Amino acid sequence: MNGIELENDMLVTTSLKPIDYSDCFETSINTDKFPNIDSFVRRYFETQPRWLMAISMNILKQETMDKTLENTSFKIDESIGAWKIYMRDENEIVFGDDMGFMEYRFGMRLDDDRLRVATVVQYKGRIGKYYFSLVKLLHKKFVLKSLSYPLAK
């Protein structure tokens, strides 16, 4: 997984204005295993360890995640824990949350065998800026760790 520049062809780039922070990562992916973005996103959520589900998505039990995944088709306005689906097309799904003091969006895009994931953040006042300055210290590590699970299995 390599860090790259956020490209304007990703939906996530249009999800917040202004964008105060962004990052993007890219890797090759097995298209036999993941023929579309829905298959990758489903596997992403299925493989997250409980500690990461709790910290990132506010889901404390695997049973809750399993039940949520049974009842979702990854449509706009559906949620996986705290992650609401804000935008999507056939190649990308944009999740996010409005925390009051900041908003974030996390886009996952699959083009052929190229998987890109990007985070954009908009601060709402000083609290958001200070909060994310602390989160930013571990954010990239969490993103890379969360992506390692579906790609490894």
Protein backbone atom coordinates (compact mmCIF):
# COMPACT_ATOMS: atom_id res chain seq x y z
CA MET A 1 0.00 0.00 0.00
CA ASN A 2 1.57 3.26 -1.17
CA GLY A 3 0.73 6.83 -0.27
CA ILE A 4 -0.24 8.85 -3.36
CA GLU A 5 -1.70 12.23 -4.26
CA LEU A 6 -5.47 12.42 -4.00
CA GLU A 7 -6.82 12.46 -7.55
CA ASN A 8 -9.87 14.48 -8.60
CA ASP A 9 -11.56 11.44 -10.18
CA MET A 10 -12.50 10.18 -6.70
CA LEU A 11 -15.99 11.05 -5.45
CA VAL A 12 -14.60 11.70 -2.00
CA THR A 13 -12.91 14.87 -3.32
CA THR A 14 -16.33 16.48 -3.86
CA SER A 15 -17.83 15.40 -0.54
CA LEU A 16 -16.58 18.26 1.65
CA LYS A 17 -15.69 21.85 0.88
CA PRO A 18 -13.29 23.10 2.05
CA ILE A 19 -11.02 20.13 2.71
CA ASP A 20 -8.65 20.85 5.60
CA TYR A 21 -6.82 17.50 5.48
CA SER A 22 -6.54 14.69 2.95
CA ASP A 23 -4.57 11.53 2.33
CA CYS A 24 -4.77 8.72 -0.20
CA PHE A 25 -3.33 5.23 -0.50
CA GLU A 26 -3.20 2.82 -3.42
CA THR A 27 -2.55 -0.87 -3.95
CA SER A 28 -3.14 -3.55 -6.55
CA ILE A 29 -5.97 -5.94 -5.81
CA ASN A 30 -7.03 -9.39 -6.97
CA THR A 31 -10.08 -8.85 -9.18
CA ASP A 32 -11.02 -12.54 -9.01
CA LYS A 33 -11.40 -12.13 -5.26
CA PHE A 34 -12.91 -8.62 -5.43
CA PRO A 35 -14.70 -8.12 -8.77
CA ASN A 36 -16.38 -4.87 -7.61
CA ILE A 37 -16.25 -2.29 -4.86
CA ASP A 38 -19.19 -3.82 -2.97
CA SER A 39 -17.36 -7.14 -2.60
CA PHE A 40 -14.26 -5.38 -1.27
CA VAL A 41 -16.19 -3.14 1.14
CA ARG A 42 -18.17 -6.11 2.50
CA ARG A 43 -14.91 -8.01 3.11
CA TYR A 44 -13.37 -4.89 4.66
CA PHE A 45 -16.08 -4.76 7.33
CA GLU A 46 -16.19 -8.55 7.83
CA THR A 47 -12.48 -8.76 8.63
CA GLN A 48 -11.98 -5.85 11.05
CA PRO A 49 -10.90 -6.91 14.53
CA ARG A 50 -13.24 -5.92 17.36
CA TRP A 51 -10.88 -3.31 18.79
CA LEU A 52 -10.77 -1.51 15.43
CA MET A 53 -14.55 -1.78 14.94
CA ALA A 54 -15.05 -0.24 18.39
CA ILE A 55 -12.60 2.63 17.87
CA SER A 56 -13.48 3.44 14.28
CA MET A 57 -17.12 2.46 13.75
CA ASN A 58 -18.57 2.37 17.28
CA ILE A 59 -19.55 -1.30 16.89
CA LEU A 60 -18.71 -3.36 19.96
CA LYS A 61 -19.87 -6.86 18.97
CA GLN A 62 -19.15 -9.01 15.94
CA GLU A 63 -22.82 -10.07 15.97
CA THR A 64 -23.84 -6.43 15.47
CA MET A 65 -21.50 -6.12 12.49
CA ASP A 66 -22.74 -9.40 11.01
CA LYS A 67 -26.38 -8.34 11.35
CA THR A 68 -25.64 -4.92 9.84
CA LEU A 69 -23.89 -6.50 6.86
CA GLU A 70 -26.78 -8.91 6.30
CA ASN A 71 -29.14 -5.96 5.99
CA THR A 72 -27.10 -3.60 3.84
CA SER A 73 -26.69 -3.18 0.12
CA PHE A 74 -24.30 -0.21 0.52
CA LYS A 75 -26.78 2.41 -0.65
CA ILE A 76 -26.60 6.12 0.09
CA ASP A 77 -27.88 6.94 3.62
CA GLU A 78 -27.32 3.40 4.94
CA SER A 79 -24.92 3.09 7.87
CA ILE A 80 -22.35 0.66 9.14
CA GLY A 81 -22.08 1.67 12.77
CA ALA A 82 -21.09 5.33 12.88
CA TRP A 83 -20.11 5.28 9.20
CA LYS A 84 -22.90 6.63 7.00
CA ILE A 85 -22.77 6.20 3.22
CA TYR A 86 -22.80 9.70 1.73
CA MET A 87 -22.01 9.03 -1.93
CA ARG A 88 -21.42 6.15 -4.28
CA ASP A 89 -21.14 5.06 -7.86
CA GLU A 90 -20.26 1.71 -9.41
CA ASN A 91 -16.57 2.08 -8.47
CA GLU A 92 -16.52 4.05 -5.21
CA ILE A 93 -18.31 4.19 -1.88
CA VAL A 94 -17.85 7.22 0.40
CA PHE A 95 -18.44 6.69 4.11
CA GLY A 96 -18.24 9.34 6.79
CA ASP A 97 -19.47 10.98 9.93
CA ASP A 98 -20.38 14.47 11.10
CA MET A 99 -19.06 14.69 14.63
CA GLY A 100 -20.23 18.26 15.19
CA PHE A 101 -16.71 19.65 15.58
CA MET A 102 -15.41 18.03 12.39
CA GLU A 103 -16.61 15.98 9.44
CA TYR A 104 -14.71 13.25 7.69
CA ARG A 105 -15.26 11.15 4.59
CA PHE A 106 -13.49 7.90 3.72
CA GLY A 107 -13.69 6.84 0.09
CA MET A 108 -12.85 3.40 -1.25
CA ARG A 109 -12.50 3.20 -5.04
CA LEU A 110 -11.81 0.17 -7.21
CA ASP A 111 -10.81 0.67 -10.86
CA ASP A 112 -9.86 -2.64 -12.47
CA ASP A 113 -7.12 -3.97 -10.17
CA ARG A 114 -6.35 -0.57 -8.59
CA LEU A 115 -7.76 0.04 -5.10
CA ARG A 116 -7.52 3.57 -3.73
CA VAL A 117 -8.67 4.72 -0.32
CA ALA A 118 -8.77 8.36 0.68
CA THR A 119 -9.71 10.36 3.74
CA VAL A 120 -10.81 13.98 3.67
CA VAL A 121 -11.50 16.04 6.77
CA GLN A 122 -13.18 19.38 7.39
CA TYR A 123 -12.62 21.07 10.74
CA LYS A 124 -15.49 22.93 12.37
CA GLY A 125 -13.76 25.40 14.61
CA ARG A 126 -10.78 25.04 16.88
CA ILE A 127 -12.01 21.91 18.62
CA GLY A 128 -12.09 20.02 15.33
CA LYS A 129 -8.65 21.23 14.40
CA TYR A 130 -7.18 20.26 17.77
CA TYR A 131 -9.02 16.95 17.88
CA PHE A 132 -7.77 15.90 14.45
CA SER A 133 -4.23 17.08 15.22
CA LEU A 134 -4.21 14.33 17.88
CA VAL A 135 -5.99 11.75 15.70
CA LYS A 136 -3.69 12.52 12.75
CA LEU A 137 -0.75 11.08 14.68
CA LEU A 138 -2.24 7.57 14.33
CA HIS A 139 -4.71 8.01 11.47
CA LYS A 140 -2.55 6.67 8.63
CA LYS A 141 -1.48 3.68 10.72
CA PHE A 142 -5.14 2.85 11.47
CA VAL A 143 -6.09 3.14 7.79
CA LEU A 144 -3.24 0.91 6.65
CA LYS A 145 -3.92 -1.61 9.42
CA SER A 146 -7.66 -1.72 8.62
CA LEU A 147 -6.85 -2.40 4.96
CA SER A 148 -4.39 -5.17 5.75
CA TYR A 149 -7.15 -7.49 7.00
CA PRO A 150 -9.30 -7.86 3.87
CA LEU A 151 -6.25 -7.92 1.62
CA ALA A 152 -4.55 -10.68 3.63
CA LYS A 153 -7.45 -13.12 3.77
